Amino acid sequence: LRESELFIFCGHGAGERYVRADKLRAINSCPVALLMGCSSARLKPDGQFEPRGMVLSYLMGGCPMAIGNLWDVSDRDIDRFADSLLRRGGVFCSRPQWTADGTEPDFASVDSLVRAVVEARQDVRMKHLIGAAPV
């Protein structure tokens, strides 16, 4: 994770079975994280204390941006979303459709990634349920 520019997790949750939260927090240079699992960005209340969630460990580990789902999602629709996000973000093609000046954008760019998320939400079948889950 220290040497990568992009971390993509597709599975159940936010990858807590494969990467421990305390190890993530200690990295200090975690890449952009796309967490396409069910409830991967959900924060759980912890009594009077701050809420907790695996996505916070990515952010505390230096991740400049994390995208995950607030609730459970269907696998086919979230796969559509992820495919569209990666294509629009420039990972699967040399240049996204919306690049006007012909330069290849940095995938970690806040503007390009946020725009790709917004546009990818329109490519799922259940726009108001599955399309609204990724944040």
C-alpha atoms as a PDB file:
ATOM      1  CA  LEU A   1       0.000   0.000   0.000  1.00  0.00           C
ATOM      2  CA  ARG A   2       2.871   2.404   0.665  1.00  0.00           C
ATOM      3  CA  GLU A   3       4.043   2.370  -2.938  1.00  0.00           C
ATOM      4  CA  SER A   4       0.671   2.283  -4.719  1.00  0.00           C
ATOM      5  CA  GLU A   5      -1.261   5.237  -6.093  1.00  0.00           C
ATOM      6  CA  LEU A   6      -4.636   3.495  -5.994  1.00  0.00           C
ATOM      7  CA  PHE A   7      -6.099   0.755  -3.812  1.00  0.00           C
ATOM      8  CA  ILE A   8      -9.292  -0.936  -5.012  1.00  0.00           C
ATOM      9  CA  PHE A   9     -11.178  -3.325  -2.759  1.00  0.00           C
ATOM     10  CA  CYS A  10     -14.118  -5.314  -4.092  1.00  0.00           C
ATOM     11  CA  GLY A  11     -15.616  -7.717  -1.603  1.00  0.00           C
ATOM     12  CA  HIS A  12     -17.481  -7.727   1.691  1.00  0.00           C
ATOM     13  CA  GLY A  13     -17.002  -4.723   3.953  1.00  0.00           C
ATOM     14  CA  ALA A  14     -13.910  -2.531   3.674  1.00  0.00           C
ATOM     15  CA  GLY A  15     -11.201  -5.178   3.622  1.00  0.00           C
ATOM     16  CA  GLU A  16     -10.814  -5.506   7.375  1.00  0.00           C
ATOM     17  CA  ARG A  17     -10.204  -9.238   6.962  1.00  0.00           C
ATOM     18  CA  TYR A  18      -7.097  -8.550   4.906  1.00  0.00           C
ATOM     19  CA  VAL A  19      -5.700  -5.310   6.339  1.00  0.00           C
ATOM     20  CA  ARG A  20      -5.849  -4.512  10.044  1.00  0.00           C
ATOM     21  CA  ALA A  21      -7.065  -1.055  11.027  1.00  0.00           C
ATOM     22  CA  ASP A  22      -4.069  -0.364  13.290  1.00  0.00           C
ATOM     23  CA  LYS A  23      -1.657  -1.252  10.458  1.00  0.00           C
ATOM     24  CA  LEU A  24      -3.478   1.119   8.094  1.00  0.00           C
ATOM     25  CA  ARG A  25      -3.311   3.986  10.580  1.00  0.00           C
ATOM     26  CA  ALA A  26       0.457   3.472  10.928  1.00  0.00           C
ATOM     27  CA  ILE A  27       1.216   3.710   7.187  1.00  0.00           C
ATOM     28  CA  ASN A  28       1.038   7.537   6.869  1.00  0.00           C
ATOM     29  CA  SER A  29       1.071   7.318   3.059  1.00  0.00           C
ATOM     30  CA  CYS A  30      -1.942   5.214   2.112  1.00  0.00           C
ATOM     31  CA  PRO A  31      -3.086   5.602  -1.534  1.00  0.00           C
ATOM     32  CA  VAL A  32      -6.508   6.701  -2.756  1.00  0.00           C
ATOM     33  CA  ALA A  33      -8.900   3.938  -1.650  1.00  0.00           C
ATOM     34  CA  LEU A  34     -11.934   2.726  -3.587  1.00  0.00           C
ATOM     35  CA  LEU A  35     -13.837   0.476  -1.199  1.00  0.00           C
ATOM     36  CA  MET A  36     -16.645  -1.131  -3.162  1.00  0.00           C
ATOM     37  CA  GLY A  37     -17.856  -3.466  -0.424  1.00  0.00           C
ATOM     38  CA  CYS A  38     -21.173  -3.303   1.393  1.00  0.00           C
ATOM     39  CA  SER A  39     -21.258  -0.582   4.061  1.00  0.00           C
ATOM     40  CA  SER A  40     -17.536   0.056   3.550  1.00  0.00           C
ATOM     41  CA  ALA A  41     -17.866   3.775   4.419  1.00  0.00           C
ATOM     42  CA  ARG A  42     -20.450   3.351   7.159  1.00  0.00           C
ATOM     43  CA  LEU A  43     -19.534   4.773  10.534  1.00  0.00           C
ATOM     44  CA  LYS A  44     -20.846   2.980  13.589  1.00  0.00           C
ATOM     45  CA  PRO A  45     -21.810   4.890  16.750  1.00  0.00           C
ATOM     46  CA  ASP A  46     -19.576   4.206  19.725  1.00  0.00           C
ATOM     47  CA  GLY A  47     -21.573   5.532  22.660  1.00  0.00           C
ATOM     48  CA  GLN A  48     -20.528   9.037  23.663  1.00  0.00           C
ATOM     49  CA  PHE A  49     -17.306   8.761  21.672  1.00  0.00           C
ATOM     50  CA  GLU A  50     -16.610   9.503  18.021  1.00  0.00           C
ATOM     51  CA  PRO A  51     -18.101   7.014  15.588  1.00  0.00           C
ATOM     52  CA  ARG A  52     -15.764   4.365  14.241  1.00  0.00           C
ATOM     53  CA  GLY A  53     -15.332   2.642  10.917  1.00  0.00           C
ATOM     54  CA  MET A  54     -12.677   1.089   8.724  1.00  0.00           C
ATOM     55  CA  VAL A  55     -12.809   4.009   6.285  1.00  0.00           C
ATOM     56  CA  LEU A  56     -11.481   6.263   9.055  1.00  0.00           C
ATOM     57  CA  SER A  57      -8.422   4.024   9.367  1.00  0.00           C
ATOM     58  CA  TYR A  58      -7.658   4.581   5.682  1.00  0.00           C
ATOM     59  CA  LEU A  59      -7.954   8.352   6.146  1.00  0.00           C
ATOM     60  CA  MET A  60      -5.845   8.346   9.329  1.00  0.00           C
ATOM     61  CA  GLY A  61      -3.264   6.311   7.401  1.00  0.00           C
ATOM     62  CA  GLY A  62      -2.720   9.247   5.066  1.00  0.00           C
ATOM     63  CA  CYS A  63      -5.200   8.276   2.359  1.00  0.00           C
ATOM     64  CA  PRO A  64      -5.938  11.513   0.465  1.00  0.00           C
ATOM     65  CA  MET A  65      -9.431  10.297  -0.480  1.00  0.00           C
ATOM     66  CA  ALA A  66     -11.569   7.248   0.168  1.00  0.00           C
ATOM     67  CA  ILE A  67     -14.764   6.261  -1.608  1.00  0.00           C
ATOM     68  CA  GLY A  68     -17.008   3.668  -0.043  1.00  0.00           C
ATOM     69  CA  ASN A  69     -20.648   2.693   0.397  1.00  0.00           C
ATOM     70  CA  LEU A  70     -22.837   3.928   3.226  1.00  0.00           C
ATOM     71  CA  TRP A  71     -25.093   0.854   3.139  1.00  0.00           C
ATOM     72  CA  ASP A  72     -25.375  -2.628   1.680  1.00  0.00           C
ATOM     73  CA  VAL A  73     -25.418  -2.722  -2.107  1.00  0.00           C
ATOM     74  CA  SER A  74     -26.211  -5.290  -4.791  1.00  0.00           C
ATOM     75  CA  ASP A  75     -23.160  -6.769  -6.439  1.00  0.00           C
ATOM     76  CA  ARG A  76     -24.194  -6.237 -10.069  1.00  0.00           C
ATOM     77  CA  ASP A  77     -25.129  -2.595  -9.649  1.00  0.00           C
ATOM     78  CA  ILE A  78     -22.054  -1.704  -7.599  1.00  0.00           C
ATOM     79  CA  ASP A  79     -19.935  -3.505 -10.210  1.00  0.00           C
ATOM     80  CA  ARG A  80     -21.531  -1.240 -12.834  1.00  0.00           C
ATOM     81  CA  PHE A  81     -20.731   1.761 -10.672  1.00  0.00           C
ATOM     82  CA  ALA A  82     -17.103   0.692 -10.128  1.00  0.00           C
ATOM     83  CA  ASP A  83     -16.586  -0.044 -13.823  1.00  0.00           C
ATOM     84  CA  SER A  84     -17.981   3.355 -14.790  1.00  0.00           C
ATOM     85  CA  LEU A  85     -15.983   5.121 -12.075  1.00  0.00           C
ATOM     86  CA  LEU A  86     -12.728   3.541 -13.205  1.00  0.00           C
ATOM     87  CA  ARG A  87     -13.414   4.278 -16.861  1.00  0.00           C
ATOM     88  CA  ARG A  88     -14.440   7.874 -16.211  1.00  0.00           C
ATOM     89  CA  GLY A  89     -11.516   8.319 -13.826  1.00  0.00           C
ATOM     90  CA  GLY A  90      -9.038   7.257 -16.480  1.00  0.00           C
ATOM     91  CA  VAL A  91      -7.928   3.917 -15.052  1.00  0.00           C
ATOM     92  CA  PHE A  92      -9.351   1.703 -17.835  1.00  0.00           C
ATOM     93  CA  CYS A  93      -8.749   4.078 -20.717  1.00  0.00           C
ATOM     94  CA  SER A  94      -5.997   6.466 -21.715  1.00  0.00           C
ATOM     95  CA  ARG A  95      -8.221   9.543 -21.492  1.00  0.00           C
ATOM     96  CA  PRO A  96     -11.616  10.076 -19.840  1.00  0.00           C
ATOM     97  CA  GLN A  97     -14.460  11.307 -22.020  1.00  0.00           C
ATOM     98  CA  TRP A  98     -14.712  14.612 -20.157  1.00  0.00           C
ATOM     99  CA  THR A  99     -11.075  15.723 -20.501  1.00  0.00           C
ATOM    100  CA  ALA A 100     -11.342  18.830 -22.657  1.00  0.00           C
ATOM    101  CA  ASP A 101      -7.686  19.782 -23.039  1.00  0.00           C
ATOM    102  CA  GLY A 102      -6.458  16.314 -24.084  1.00  0.00           C
ATOM    103  CA  THR A 103      -4.203  15.782 -21.088  1.00  0.00           C
ATOM    104  CA  GLU A 104      -4.440  12.641 -19.028  1.00  0.00           C
ATOM    105  CA  PRO A 105      -5.691  13.580 -15.523  1.00  0.00           C
ATOM    106  CA  ASP A 106      -4.225  12.362 -12.266  1.00  0.00           C
ATOM    107  CA  PHE A 107      -6.703   9.803 -10.888  1.00  0.00           C
ATOM    108  CA  ALA A 108      -6.107  11.062  -7.349  1.00  0.00           C
ATOM    109  CA  SER A 109      -7.185  14.544  -8.374  1.00  0.00           C
ATOM    110  CA  VAL A 110     -10.136  15.588  -6.240  1.00  0.00           C
ATOM    111  CA  ASP A 111     -11.947  17.253  -9.138  1.00  0.00           C
ATOM    112  CA  SER A 112     -11.620  14.329 -11.552  1.00  0.00           C
ATOM    113  CA  LEU A 113     -12.554  11.708  -8.970  1.00  0.00           C
ATOM    114  CA  VAL A 114     -15.556  13.609  -7.620  1.00  0.00           C
ATOM    115  CA  ARG A 115     -16.791  14.228 -11.141  1.00  0.00           C
ATOM    116  CA  ALA A 116     -16.339  10.547 -11.994  1.00  0.00           C
ATOM    117  CA  VAL A 117     -18.367   9.525  -8.899  1.00  0.00           C
ATOM    118  CA  VAL A 118     -21.202  11.877  -9.799  1.00  0.00           C
ATOM    119  CA  GLU A 119     -21.347  10.634 -13.382  1.00  0.00           C
ATOM    120  CA  ALA A 120     -20.946   6.944 -12.460  1.00  0.00           C
ATOM    121  CA  ARG A 121     -24.029   7.181 -10.225  1.00  0.00           C
ATOM    122  CA  GLN A 122     -26.108   7.599 -13.371  1.00  0.00           C
ATOM    123  CA  ASP A 123     -24.855   4.311 -14.838  1.00  0.00           C
ATOM    124  CA  VAL A 124     -26.472   2.005 -12.268  1.00  0.00           C
ATOM    125  CA  ARG A 125     -30.004   0.643 -12.575  1.00  0.00           C
ATOM    126  CA  MET A 126     -31.160   1.561  -9.062  1.00  0.00           C
ATOM    127  CA  LYS A 127     -29.928   5.174  -9.057  1.00  0.00           C
ATOM    128  CA  HIS A 128     -31.615   6.234  -5.825  1.00  0.00           C
ATOM    129  CA  LEU A 129     -30.620   3.147  -3.860  1.00  0.00           C
ATOM    130  CA  ILE A 130     -27.303   1.828  -5.183  1.00  0.00           C
ATOM    131  CA  GLY A 131     -26.227   5.008  -6.970  1.00  0.00           C
ATOM    132  CA  ALA A 132     -26.589   7.021  -3.783  1.00  0.00           C
ATOM    133  CA  ALA A 133     -24.616   4.603  -1.574  1.00  0.00           C
ATOM    134  CA  PRO A 134     -21.057   5.548  -2.676  1.00  0.00           C
ATOM    135  CA  VAL A 135     -19.616   8.634  -0.979  1.00  0.00           C
END
